[in-house]
Amino acid sequence: MTEAELKTLLPELLTKVIKIAKDAGDIILDVYEKGFEIETKEDESPVTTADLAANDHIVSELNKLSPLFYVLSEESEVMPFDERKKLETYWLVDPLDGTKEFINKRDNFTVNIALIHQHKSILGVIYAPVSGDSYYAVSGNGSFKEDKAGLVQSIQAKKMEGEPIFAGSSRHGGGNLRQFLDSAKSHFNDYAVETLGSSLKMCLIAEGKVDLYPRLWYTSEWDTAAAHCIVEEAGGSIVKTDMSPLLYNTKDSLLNPFFFAIGDNSYDWAKHLPEKMIYSK
């Protein structure tokens, strides 16, 4: 497929992927209400029957939609890097992002579907089943939010004015983040932290509700890929802590380096990083 053909295809793919994500969300909600089983994966992270049911639906539908594109999902067997590195375009999926939120009956879990092309996210869909909100974008067409009633609005990251507002997590703070916030507080008079689970923190950047999401702990590529396109098309960026681009499928590990999701790219957030970052789990 040529670059021109792919670009022409993206809007059509987006419409169909939004429906796939919403249908997967319905499957998740059905399990959420009826009850679910929990297992522990090899990496000691939990997986539920909702993760697996949503994954089966998404993978099946994406294979029907675009059989030429490989589907890489958190809940499927991962292709060895020697083969995976040859992929130019592929789907990257987290069928239930925020499994621990789901298990603990907190509503901030999402369905995440991205299309990666030449190491960059060019299509992203995030659907929050409980609220019914969806966020989506394709390269070159801007970012959008659709509410449960079907009202669609264009969203835009904001320029930072006054004291910053950070997106944070109640479970993934740690020493790196504490030191970062202490340094930021010494520069600004004050700051606020909006605590939210799952990839919705990055959607707050795209909506212009927060200035920065400093992620100074571990994530995987499927955790960020869908939001990446949405944030960039809204005028923000997702970058490594050295402020260089965050790319996909460039190494054997599918763990992301630590990163910033940024609304206003004009400020050098890297200067607030700890001198010695903590990397061990």
Protein backbone atom coordinates (compact mmCIF):
# COMPACT_ATOMS: atom_id res chain seq x y z
CA MET A 1 0.00 0.00 0.00
CA THR A 2 1.37 3.40 -0.97
CA GLU A 3 1.56 6.38 1.41
CA ALA A 4 -1.15 8.15 -0.61
CA GLU A 5 -3.46 5.11 -0.47
CA LEU A 6 -2.97 4.76 3.29
CA LYS A 7 -3.68 8.45 3.88
CA THR A 8 -6.87 8.23 1.82
CA LEU A 9 -7.96 5.13 3.73
CA LEU A 10 -7.48 6.56 7.24
CA PRO A 11 -10.83 8.40 7.65
CA GLU A 12 -12.76 5.30 6.59
CA LEU A 13 -10.71 3.13 8.94
CA LEU A 14 -11.32 5.58 11.78
CA THR A 15 -15.11 5.38 11.48
CA LYS A 16 -15.01 1.59 11.60
CA VAL A 17 -12.47 1.42 14.43
CA ILE A 18 -14.63 3.73 16.58
CA LYS A 19 -17.47 1.22 16.23
CA ILE A 20 -15.16 -1.70 17.02
CA ALA A 21 -13.98 0.08 20.19
CA LYS A 22 -17.53 0.89 21.30
CA ASP A 23 -18.70 -2.69 20.70
CA ALA A 24 -15.73 -3.94 22.74
CA GLY A 25 -16.75 -1.48 25.46
CA ASP A 26 -20.24 -3.00 25.52
CA ILE A 27 -18.69 -6.45 25.97
CA ILE A 28 -16.57 -5.12 28.85
CA LEU A 29 -19.57 -3.48 30.55
CA ASP A 30 -21.57 -6.69 30.32
CA VAL A 31 -18.81 -8.54 32.15
CA TYR A 32 -18.38 -5.61 34.56
CA GLU A 33 -22.03 -5.89 35.62
CA LYS A 34 -22.33 -9.68 35.69
CA GLY A 35 -19.02 -10.47 37.40
CA PHE A 36 -15.66 -11.71 36.19
CA GLU A 37 -12.74 -14.01 36.87
CA ILE A 38 -9.19 -12.78 37.46
CA GLU A 39 -5.96 -14.53 36.50
CA THR A 40 -2.32 -13.49 36.88
CA LYS A 41 -0.08 -13.29 33.83
CA GLU A 42 3.61 -14.18 33.69
CA ASP A 43 4.58 -10.55 34.40
CA GLU A 44 2.37 -10.70 37.54
CA SER A 45 -0.17 -8.27 36.11
CA PRO A 46 -3.86 -9.21 36.30
CA VAL A 47 -6.07 -10.19 33.38
CA THR A 48 -9.84 -10.68 33.53
CA THR A 49 -12.45 -12.38 31.41
CA ALA A 50 -13.38 -8.88 30.20
CA ASP A 51 -9.84 -8.26 28.85
CA LEU A 52 -9.93 -11.53 26.96
CA ALA A 53 -13.46 -11.15 25.58
CA ALA A 54 -12.76 -7.61 24.37
CA ASN A 55 -9.48 -8.75 22.86
CA ASP A 56 -11.14 -11.56 20.92
CA HIS A 57 -13.68 -9.14 19.47
CA ILE A 58 -11.18 -6.44 18.53
CA VAL A 59 -8.65 -8.78 16.95
CA SER A 60 -11.34 -10.57 14.94
CA GLU A 61 -12.87 -7.32 13.68
CA LEU A 62 -9.55 -5.67 12.82
CA ASN A 63 -8.49 -8.75 10.87
CA LYS A 64 -11.71 -8.51 8.87
CA LEU A 65 -11.27 -4.76 8.37
CA SER A 66 -7.66 -4.79 7.23
CA PRO A 67 -6.20 -8.29 6.79
CA LEU A 68 -2.91 -6.83 5.52
CA PHE A 69 -2.14 -5.21 8.89
CA TYR A 70 -0.88 -7.37 11.75
CA VAL A 71 -2.68 -6.94 15.09
CA LEU A 72 -0.38 -6.61 18.10
CA SER A 73 -2.38 -6.73 21.33
CA GLU A 74 -1.52 -6.85 25.00
CA GLU A 75 -3.60 -10.00 25.37
CA SER A 76 -2.26 -11.87 22.34
CA GLU A 77 1.01 -13.68 21.77
CA VAL A 78 3.68 -11.13 20.83
CA MET A 79 5.55 -11.64 17.58
CA PRO A 80 9.35 -12.00 18.07
CA PHE A 81 11.20 -8.75 17.36
CA ASP A 82 13.16 -10.27 14.46
CA GLU A 83 9.82 -10.57 12.67
CA ARG A 84 8.03 -7.62 14.27
CA LYS A 85 10.70 -5.11 13.23
CA LYS A 86 9.79 -5.77 9.59
CA LEU A 87 6.25 -4.45 10.12
CA GLU A 88 5.76 -1.07 8.48
CA THR A 89 2.08 -0.70 9.41
CA TYR A 90 0.22 -2.60 12.16
CA TRP A 91 -2.54 -2.30 14.75
CA LEU A 92 -1.50 -1.81 18.38
CA VAL A 93 -4.25 -2.62 20.88
CA ASP A 94 -4.95 -2.53 24.58
CA PRO A 95 -8.41 -4.12 24.80
CA LEU A 96 -8.90 -3.00 28.42
CA ASP A 97 -6.49 -0.31 29.56
CA GLY A 98 -6.76 0.04 33.31
CA THR A 99 -7.48 -3.55 34.33
CA LYS A 100 -6.78 -2.73 37.98
CA GLU A 101 -9.26 0.16 37.76
CA PHE A 102 -11.79 -2.29 36.33
CA ILE A 103 -11.17 -4.87 39.06
CA ASN A 104 -11.54 -2.28 41.82
CA LYS A 105 -14.76 -0.90 40.29
CA ARG A 106 -13.23 2.43 39.41
CA ASP A 107 -14.66 3.65 36.14
CA ASN A 108 -11.56 5.06 34.41
CA PHE A 109 -10.76 2.08 32.18
CA THR A 110 -10.72 2.36 28.41
CA VAL A 111 -10.47 0.52 25.11
CA ASN A 112 -7.40 1.66 23.15
CA ILE A 113 -6.79 1.01 19.44
CA ALA A 114 -3.99 2.57 17.39
CA LEU A 115 -2.56 2.18 13.92
CA ILE A 116 1.24 2.45 13.79
CA HIS A 117 3.03 3.36 10.57
CA GLN A 118 6.80 3.68 10.33
CA HIS A 119 7.15 3.81 14.15
CA LYS A 120 4.52 6.55 14.62
CA SER A 121 0.89 6.52 15.67
CA ILE A 122 -1.27 7.69 12.75
CA LEU A 123 -4.71 6.69 14.07
CA GLY A 124 -5.93 6.56 17.64
CA VAL A 125 -9.25 5.66 19.28
CA ILE A 126 -9.89 5.65 23.02
CA TYR A 127 -13.32 4.68 24.35
CA ALA A 128 -14.37 4.91 28.00
CA PRO A 129 -17.26 2.43 28.38
CA VAL A 130 -18.69 3.79 31.65
CA SER A 131 -18.90 7.46 30.65
CA GLY A 132 -19.55 6.71 27.00
CA ASP A 133 -16.93 9.28 25.97
CA SER A 134 -14.67 8.55 23.01
CA TYR A 135 -11.56 10.35 21.79
CA TYR A 136 -10.16 9.86 18.32
CA ALA A 137 -7.84 11.22 15.65
CA VAL A 138 -6.05 10.41 12.42
CA SER A 139 -2.92 12.15 11.18
CA GLY A 140 -3.63 15.50 9.58
CA ASN A 141 -7.32 15.72 10.54
CA GLY A 142 -7.31 17.05 14.12
CA SER A 143 -8.58 15.47 17.35
CA PHE A 144 -12.14 14.99 18.52
CA LYS A 145 -14.18 14.01 21.56
CA GLU A 146 -17.62 12.42 21.28
CA ASP A 147 -19.91 12.13 24.30
CA LYS A 148 -22.47 9.47 25.11
CA ALA A 149 -25.20 11.43 23.32
CA GLY A 150 -23.17 11.54 20.11
CA LEU A 151 -22.15 15.20 20.35
CA VAL A 152 -18.76 15.62 18.64
CA GLN A 153 -16.42 18.50 19.35
CA SER A 154 -12.92 19.36 18.17
CA ILE A 155 -10.39 19.37 21.02
CA GLN A 156 -7.18 21.34 21.37
CA ALA A 157 -4.25 21.29 23.78
CA LYS A 158 -3.70 24.60 25.55
CA LYS A 159 -0.89 27.04 26.07
CA MET A 160 0.30 27.09 29.65
CA GLU A 161 -0.78 30.20 31.54
CA GLY A 162 0.10 30.82 35.18
CA GLU A 163 0.66 27.82 37.42
CA PRO A 164 0.74 24.41 35.72
CA ILE A 165 -1.82 21.67 36.11
CA PHE A 166 -0.39 18.15 36.04
CA ALA A 167 -2.14 14.87 35.31
CA GLY A 168 -1.17 12.23 37.84
CA SER A 169 -1.96 8.79 39.13
CA SER A 170 -2.79 7.61 42.61
CA ARG A 171 -0.82 4.40 42.09
CA HIS A 172 2.20 5.38 40.00
CA GLY A 173 3.79 8.27 41.84
CA GLY A 174 7.05 7.08 43.30
CA GLY A 175 10.25 8.93 44.05
CA ASN A 176 10.82 10.16 40.51
CA LEU A 177 7.50 11.98 40.39
CA ARG A 178 7.83 13.39 43.91
CA GLN A 179 11.23 14.84 43.08
CA PHE A 180 9.94 16.21 39.79
CA LEU A 181 7.00 17.95 41.49
CA ASP A 182 9.25 19.34 44.23
CA SER A 183 11.51 20.86 41.58
CA ALA A 184 8.53 22.28 39.67
CA LYS A 185 7.19 23.83 42.87
CA SER A 186 10.51 25.59 43.44
CA HIS A 187 10.13 27.21 40.01
CA PHE A 188 6.40 27.98 40.04
CA ASN A 189 4.51 29.43 42.97
CA ASP A 190 2.23 26.41 43.02
CA TYR A 191 0.67 23.71 40.89
CA ALA A 192 -2.38 21.46 40.84
CA VAL A 193 -2.60 17.71 40.16
CA GLU A 194 -5.59 16.08 38.48
CA THR A 195 -5.58 12.39 39.49
CA LEU A 196 -7.05 9.99 36.97
CA GLY A 197 -6.52 6.41 35.96
CA SER A 198 -5.66 4.87 32.62
CA SER A 199 -4.88 6.64 29.34
CA LEU A 200 -7.52 9.27 30.06
CA LYS A 201 -4.71 11.36 31.60
CA MET A 202 -3.32 11.88 28.12
CA CYS A 203 -6.78 12.75 26.83
CA LEU A 204 -6.86 15.59 29.41
CA ILE A 205 -3.78 16.98 27.65
CA ALA A 206 -5.56 16.80 24.28
CA GLU A 207 -8.65 18.49 25.74
CA GLY A 208 -6.61 21.37 27.12
CA LYS A 209 -7.59 20.59 30.72
CA VAL A 210 -4.06 19.93 32.00
CA ASP A 211 -0.59 21.06 30.96
CA LEU A 212 1.58 18.01 31.53
CA TYR A 213 1.43 14.32 32.30
CA PRO A 214 4.88 13.27 33.54
CA ARG A 215 5.04 9.48 33.30
CA LEU A 216 8.19 8.57 35.23
CA TRP A 217 7.43 4.90 35.63
CA TYR A 218 6.79 1.89 33.42
CA THR A 219 4.25 1.61 30.61
CA SER A 220 4.01 -0.50 27.49
CA GLU A 221 3.66 0.68 23.92
CA TRP A 222 -0.04 -0.29 23.75
CA ASP A 223 -0.66 2.00 26.76
CA THR A 224 0.32 5.15 24.88
CA ALA A 225 -0.16 4.50 21.15
CA ALA A 226 -3.82 5.48 20.77
CA ALA A 227 -3.47 8.59 22.91
CA HIS A 228 -0.29 9.56 21.08
CA CYS A 229 -2.07 10.38 17.83
CA ILE A 230 -4.89 12.14 19.71
CA VAL A 231 -2.48 14.35 21.68
CA GLU A 232 -0.38 15.25 18.66
CA GLU A 233 -3.37 16.07 16.47
CA ALA A 234 -4.63 18.32 19.29
CA GLY A 235 -1.36 20.28 19.14
CA GLY A 236 0.48 18.63 22.01
CA SER A 237 3.23 16.04 22.04
CA ILE A 238 4.38 12.84 23.72
CA VAL A 239 8.15 12.73 24.06
CA LYS A 240 10.83 10.90 25.96
CA THR A 241 12.26 12.70 28.98
CA ASP A 242 15.16 13.97 26.86
CA MET A 243 12.43 15.67 24.77
CA SER A 244 13.08 13.45 21.72
CA PRO A 245 10.17 11.71 19.95
CA LEU A 246 8.60 8.62 21.49
CA LEU A 247 8.61 5.95 18.77
CA TYR A 248 7.14 2.45 18.45
CA ASN A 249 8.54 -0.94 17.46
CA THR A 250 12.19 0.10 17.56
CA LYS A 251 13.51 -2.49 20.03
CA ASP A 252 12.90 -5.98 21.41
CA SER A 253 11.20 -4.75 24.59
CA LEU A 254 7.70 -3.30 24.32
CA LEU A 255 8.24 -1.18 27.43
CA ASN A 256 8.22 2.56 26.83
CA PRO A 257 10.98 4.77 28.17
CA PHE A 258 9.75 7.32 30.72
CA PHE A 259 7.94 10.14 28.93
CA PHE A 260 6.11 13.45 29.06
CA ALA A 261 2.71 14.11 27.51
CA ILE A 262 2.79 17.87 26.92
CA GLY A 263 0.16 20.43 26.00
CA ASP A 264 2.50 23.39 25.48
CA ASN A 265 5.79 22.42 23.87
CA SER A 266 7.51 25.73 24.62
CA TYR A 267 8.56 24.88 28.20
CA ASP A 268 11.58 22.68 29.01
CA TRP A 269 10.10 20.24 31.51
CA ALA A 270 13.23 18.07 31.46
CA LYS A 271 15.05 20.52 33.76
CA HIS A 272 12.83 19.40 36.66
CA LEU A 273 13.80 15.72 36.38
CA PRO A 274 15.66 14.06 39.27
CA GLU A 275 19.43 13.95 38.79
CA LYS A 276 19.32 10.19 39.38
CA MET A 277 16.19 8.56 38.06
CA ILE A 278 14.85 5.39 39.67
CA TYR A 279 14.49 2.62 37.09
CA SER A 280 14.22 -0.62 39.06
CA LYS A 281 10.78 -2.11 39.64
